[in-house]
């Protein structure tokens, strides 16, 4: 798929591309790099949350696959950065199936990298916005790839802090979970200002000035996303503390303030 077939909106930053830049990727533009540099001025540790989010995602997928989950719905996928969800899941169970969802055109241009499934499994991609739950749940791609009568791992990694309170992100999560059967899981991570409120407010303002919503939230509000679910031990934690035994530790270990991301996994 050629990049000139889609409008990449390169004049304004997009979270997936800023994230890509902070992870050391090359699929970003001047507006993304400018937003990232302004964020780094407000918080010099801004590269740490994306890195720790990726590590949490991989540990969570490994955990879920080991629990027998072989279907995943990953919303807010971002630009591919191997190992992606299907690499981790299919490395344990080659029959695992993954549907990726994102609304950034540049992620769409990279969709082929997300569709390199093991022949025994399957991956697919939906071009949709998290806030448009009907488009996601009504997609023929979703229904053709996943069996929604069987448990699904719903992955909402570092995406909900880009949904403002005016769009009621808790209701969005509730609707997504309502479409999934008992035995499904939610894995979620979210930026917080609990440790460095002034720095994260400055970063959020950088995004707002360029038309992008960012709303970091306190632990109690993040915990509301898991209402009615059974939290897997150790519960809602700053992400490096969530089952570090399932992955490679970061050395040196970052502080909670440097990470500023809570994450958890819970069962329906």
Protein backbone atom coordinates (compact mmCIF):
# COMPACT_ATOMS: atom_id res chain seq x y z
CA UNK A 1 0.00 0.00 0.00
CA UNK A 2 1.63 3.25 -1.08
CA UNK A 3 1.73 6.13 1.37
CA UNK A 4 0.40 8.57 -1.24
CA UNK A 5 -2.90 6.69 -1.28
CA UNK A 6 -3.86 7.99 2.15
CA UNK A 7 -3.74 11.42 3.79
CA UNK A 8 -1.20 11.09 6.59
CA UNK A 9 -2.08 14.50 8.12
CA UNK A 10 1.61 15.22 8.54
CA UNK A 11 0.94 18.83 9.57
CA UNK A 12 -0.14 17.80 13.07
CA UNK A 13 1.18 15.25 15.55
CA UNK A 14 -0.45 11.88 16.00
CA UNK A 15 0.06 9.88 19.21
CA UNK A 16 1.13 6.73 17.32
CA UNK A 17 3.87 8.64 15.48
CA UNK A 18 5.06 10.58 18.55
CA UNK A 19 5.22 7.23 20.37
CA UNK A 20 7.17 5.80 17.43
CA UNK A 21 9.69 8.64 17.62
CA UNK A 22 10.13 8.26 21.38
CA UNK A 23 10.81 4.54 20.83
CA UNK A 24 13.52 5.38 18.30
CA UNK A 25 11.45 4.65 15.20
CA UNK A 26 11.55 6.40 11.83
CA UNK A 27 7.86 6.54 10.90
CA UNK A 28 7.20 10.08 12.06
CA UNK A 29 7.18 13.63 10.74
CA UNK A 30 8.32 17.09 11.82
CA UNK A 31 5.10 17.85 13.74
CA UNK A 32 5.46 14.59 15.67
CA UNK A 33 9.10 15.25 16.50
CA UNK A 34 8.31 18.81 17.59
CA UNK A 35 5.59 17.58 19.95
CA UNK A 36 7.96 14.92 21.29
CA UNK A 37 10.75 17.45 21.90
CA UNK A 38 8.39 19.81 23.71
CA UNK A 39 7.26 16.90 25.83
CA UNK A 40 10.87 16.03 26.59
CA UNK A 41 11.47 19.62 27.70
CA UNK A 42 8.58 19.31 30.17
CA UNK A 43 9.61 15.81 31.24
CA UNK A 44 13.09 14.61 30.24
CA UNK A 45 12.00 11.04 31.03
CA UNK A 46 9.30 11.02 28.33
CA UNK A 47 10.99 8.16 26.46
CA UNK A 48 10.54 5.83 29.44
CA UNK A 49 6.71 5.45 29.46
CA UNK A 50 6.50 4.21 25.82
CA UNK A 51 9.28 1.70 26.44
CA UNK A 52 7.72 0.38 29.64
CA UNK A 53 4.30 0.22 27.97
CA UNK A 54 5.68 -2.03 25.23
CA UNK A 55 7.29 -4.30 27.80
CA UNK A 56 4.04 -4.47 29.80
CA UNK A 57 2.09 -5.32 26.64
CA UNK A 58 4.40 -8.23 25.87
CA UNK A 59 4.21 -9.59 29.43
CA UNK A 60 0.42 -9.26 29.46
CA UNK A 61 0.02 -11.08 26.15
CA UNK A 62 2.36 -13.80 27.32
CA UNK A 63 0.35 -14.18 30.53
CA UNK A 64 -2.99 -14.29 28.69
CA UNK A 65 -1.75 -16.82 26.15
CA UNK A 66 -0.48 -19.01 28.97
CA UNK A 67 -3.99 -18.80 30.50
CA UNK A 68 -5.40 -20.26 27.29
CA UNK A 69 -6.47 -17.05 25.54
CA UNK A 70 -5.92 -17.52 21.81
CA UNK A 71 -7.86 -14.50 20.46
CA UNK A 72 -6.87 -10.86 20.89
CA UNK A 73 -8.45 -7.51 20.03
CA UNK A 74 -5.70 -4.86 20.17
CA UNK A 75 -7.17 -1.35 19.91
CA UNK A 76 -4.76 1.55 19.47
CA UNK A 77 -2.14 -0.71 17.98
CA UNK A 78 0.32 1.98 16.91
CA UNK A 79 3.10 1.63 14.39
CA UNK A 80 4.45 -1.94 14.32
CA UNK A 81 7.42 -2.53 16.60
CA UNK A 82 8.36 -6.20 16.74
CA UNK A 83 7.64 -8.26 18.67
CA UNK A 84 4.00 -7.31 18.18
CA UNK A 85 1.03 -9.04 19.81
CA UNK A 86 0.85 -11.87 17.28
CA UNK A 87 4.58 -12.55 17.55
CA UNK A 88 4.28 -13.07 21.32
CA UNK A 89 0.99 -14.97 21.24
CA UNK A 90 1.83 -17.19 18.27
CA UNK A 91 5.26 -17.89 19.73
CA UNK A 92 3.37 -19.74 22.47
CA UNK A 93 0.28 -20.86 20.53
CA UNK A 94 0.72 -20.77 16.72
CA UNK A 95 -3.08 -20.91 16.32
CA UNK A 96 -3.62 -17.55 18.06
CA UNK A 97 -5.66 -14.94 16.20
CA UNK A 98 -5.25 -11.17 16.50
CA UNK A 99 -7.29 -8.23 15.21
CA UNK A 100 -5.44 -4.92 15.29
CA UNK A 101 -7.34 -1.60 15.35
CA UNK A 102 -5.98 1.90 14.80
CA UNK A 103 -7.11 5.16 13.20
CA UNK A 104 -3.75 6.59 12.10
CA UNK A 105 -3.30 6.37 8.31
CA UNK A 106 0.42 5.66 8.70
CA UNK A 107 -0.41 2.56 10.77
CA UNK A 108 -2.66 1.49 7.90
CA UNK A 109 0.27 1.81 5.50
CA UNK A 110 2.20 -0.58 7.74
CA UNK A 111 -0.68 -3.04 8.11
CA UNK A 112 1.15 -5.66 6.07
CA UNK A 113 3.77 -5.90 8.81
CA UNK A 114 0.94 -6.71 11.23
CA UNK A 115 -0.53 -9.36 8.95
CA UNK A 116 2.47 -11.69 8.83
CA UNK A 117 0.68 -14.36 10.81
CA UNK A 118 1.88 -17.87 11.53
CA UNK A 119 0.10 -20.08 8.97
CA UNK A 120 -1.82 -21.86 11.75
CA UNK A 121 -3.18 -18.57 13.14
CA UNK A 122 -4.52 -15.36 11.66
CA UNK A 123 -4.13 -11.60 11.96
CA UNK A 124 -6.24 -8.81 10.50
CA UNK A 125 -6.61 -5.05 10.73
CA UNK A 126 -9.52 -2.63 11.20
CA UNK A 127 -9.13 1.06 10.39
CA UNK A 128 -11.28 2.59 13.14
CA UNK A 129 -11.29 4.97 16.09
CA UNK A 130 -11.61 3.60 19.64
CA UNK A 131 -14.44 6.08 20.24
CA UNK A 132 -16.46 4.54 17.39
CA UNK A 133 -17.34 1.30 19.18
CA UNK A 134 -20.07 0.45 16.66
CA UNK A 135 -17.59 0.43 13.77
CA UNK A 136 -15.27 -1.91 15.65
CA UNK A 137 -17.89 -4.34 16.93
CA UNK A 138 -19.84 -4.24 13.66
CA UNK A 139 -16.80 -4.94 11.50
CA UNK A 140 -16.97 -8.04 9.31
CA UNK A 141 -13.20 -8.33 9.81
CA UNK A 142 -13.71 -8.76 13.55
CA UNK A 143 -16.45 -11.35 13.12
CA UNK A 144 -14.52 -13.26 10.45
CA UNK A 145 -11.29 -13.40 12.45
CA UNK A 146 -12.40 -13.83 16.06
CA UNK A 147 -15.10 -16.06 17.54
CA UNK A 148 -16.88 -13.76 19.98
CA UNK A 149 -18.56 -16.72 21.61
CA UNK A 150 -15.15 -17.70 23.01
CA UNK A 151 -12.96 -15.67 25.42
CA UNK A 152 -10.99 -12.75 23.95
CA UNK A 153 -8.09 -10.73 25.30
CA UNK A 154 -9.02 -7.03 24.91
CA UNK A 155 -5.87 -4.90 24.80
CA UNK A 156 -6.16 -1.16 25.50
CA UNK A 157 -2.53 -0.21 25.93
CA UNK A 158 -1.64 3.49 26.31
CA UNK A 159 -4.72 4.60 24.37
CA UNK A 160 -7.36 5.78 26.85
CA UNK A 161 -5.39 8.84 27.96
CA UNK A 162 -6.12 10.16 24.46
CA UNK A 163 -9.86 9.97 25.14
CA UNK A 164 -11.23 12.92 27.11
CA UNK A 165 -13.89 12.70 29.80
CA UNK A 166 -16.36 14.25 27.34
CA UNK A 167 -16.26 10.96 25.36
CA UNK A 168 -16.75 8.89 28.56
CA UNK A 169 -13.90 6.40 28.14
CA UNK A 170 -15.34 4.22 30.94
CA UNK A 171 -18.52 3.70 28.92
CA UNK A 172 -16.42 2.84 25.85
CA UNK A 173 -14.59 0.12 27.76
CA UNK A 174 -17.83 -1.15 29.26
CA UNK A 175 -19.42 -1.47 25.79
CA UNK A 176 -16.42 -3.32 24.38
CA UNK A 177 -16.40 -5.75 27.30
CA UNK A 178 -20.16 -6.28 27.05
CA UNK A 179 -19.61 -7.74 23.56
CA UNK A 180 -17.15 -10.32 24.90
CA UNK A 181 -18.07 -13.52 26.75
CA UNK A 182 -17.23 -14.52 30.30
CA UNK A 183 -13.66 -15.69 30.60
CA UNK A 184 -12.41 -12.78 28.49
CA UNK A 185 -9.71 -10.48 29.82
CA UNK A 186 -8.93 -6.76 29.74
CA UNK A 187 -5.29 -5.64 29.68
CA UNK A 188 -5.02 -1.88 30.04
CA UNK A 189 -2.36 0.74 30.70
CA UNK A 190 -2.79 4.48 31.21
CA UNK A 191 -0.61 7.52 31.87
CA UNK A 192 -0.92 9.16 35.27
CA UNK A 193 0.01 12.52 36.74
CA UNK A 194 0.11 11.09 40.27
CA UNK A 195 3.90 11.43 40.57
CA UNK A 196 4.70 14.50 38.45
CA UNK A 197 1.44 16.44 38.01
CA UNK A 198 2.99 19.68 36.73
CA UNK A 199 5.20 17.97 34.13
CA UNK A 200 2.35 15.89 32.73
CA UNK A 201 0.00 18.87 32.63
CA UNK A 202 2.62 20.68 30.52
CA UNK A 203 2.86 17.70 28.16
CA UNK A 204 -0.93 17.49 27.88
CA UNK A 205 -0.99 21.19 27.03
CA UNK A 206 1.56 20.62 24.22
CA UNK A 207 -0.83 18.09 22.69
CA UNK A 208 -3.93 20.25 23.25
CA UNK A 209 -2.36 23.23 21.48
CA UNK A 210 -2.00 21.04 18.41
CA UNK A 211 -5.51 19.66 18.52
CA UNK A 212 -4.81 16.34 20.26
CA UNK A 213 -6.58 15.40 23.49
CA UNK A 214 -4.40 14.02 26.27
CA UNK A 215 -5.83 13.44 29.72
CA UNK A 216 -3.65 11.74 32.30
CA UNK A 217 -5.66 10.35 35.21
CA UNK A 218 -5.13 9.42 38.88
CA UNK A 219 -4.99 5.79 39.97
CA UNK A 220 -8.57 5.78 41.29
CA UNK A 221 -9.99 6.89 37.93
CA UNK A 222 -7.88 4.32 36.05
CA UNK A 223 -9.10 1.66 38.45
CA UNK A 224 -12.69 2.41 37.38
CA UNK A 225 -11.99 0.80 34.00
CA UNK A 226 -11.85 -2.55 35.80
CA UNK A 227 -15.20 -2.18 37.58
CA UNK A 228 -16.98 -5.53 37.74
CA UNK A 229 -13.91 -7.50 36.65
CA UNK A 230 -11.63 -9.75 38.67
CA UNK A 231 -8.18 -8.19 38.82
CA UNK A 232 -5.29 -10.58 38.27
CA UNK A 233 -2.56 -10.33 40.90
CA UNK A 234 -0.76 -8.02 41.59
CA UNK A 235 -3.63 -5.71 40.63
CA UNK A 236 -3.24 -2.17 39.31
CA UNK A 237 0.45 -1.25 39.48
CA UNK A 238 3.01 1.04 37.92
CA UNK A 239 3.72 -1.19 34.94
CA UNK A 240 7.26 -2.45 35.70
CA UNK A 241 5.84 -3.96 38.91
CA UNK A 242 3.25 -6.01 36.99
CA UNK A 243 4.63 -9.58 36.81
CA UNK A 244 8.22 -8.61 35.92
CA UNK A 245 9.10 -12.32 35.98
CA UNK A 246 7.33 -12.72 32.62
CA UNK A 247 9.85 -10.55 30.76
CA UNK A 248 13.30 -9.06 30.71
CA UNK A 249 13.80 -6.45 33.47
CA UNK A 250 14.86 -2.92 32.61
CA UNK A 251 18.33 -2.18 33.95
CA UNK A 252 18.59 0.16 35.70
CA UNK A 253 15.00 -0.07 36.89
CA UNK A 254 13.13 3.24 36.41
CA UNK A 255 11.36 4.95 39.29
CA UNK A 256 7.55 5.13 39.51
CA UNK A 257 7.75 8.83 38.67
CA UNK A 258 9.84 8.16 35.56
CA UNK A 259 7.34 5.56 34.33
CA UNK A 260 4.08 7.32 35.30
CA UNK A 261 1.97 4.53 33.78
CA UNK A 262 -0.42 2.25 35.63
CA UNK A 263 -1.43 -1.09 34.18
CA UNK A 264 -3.39 -4.19 35.06
CA UNK A 265 -5.03 -7.29 33.68
CA UNK A 266 -8.50 -8.40 34.77
CA UNK A 267 -10.89 -11.26 33.95
CA UNK A 268 -14.56 -10.96 33.08
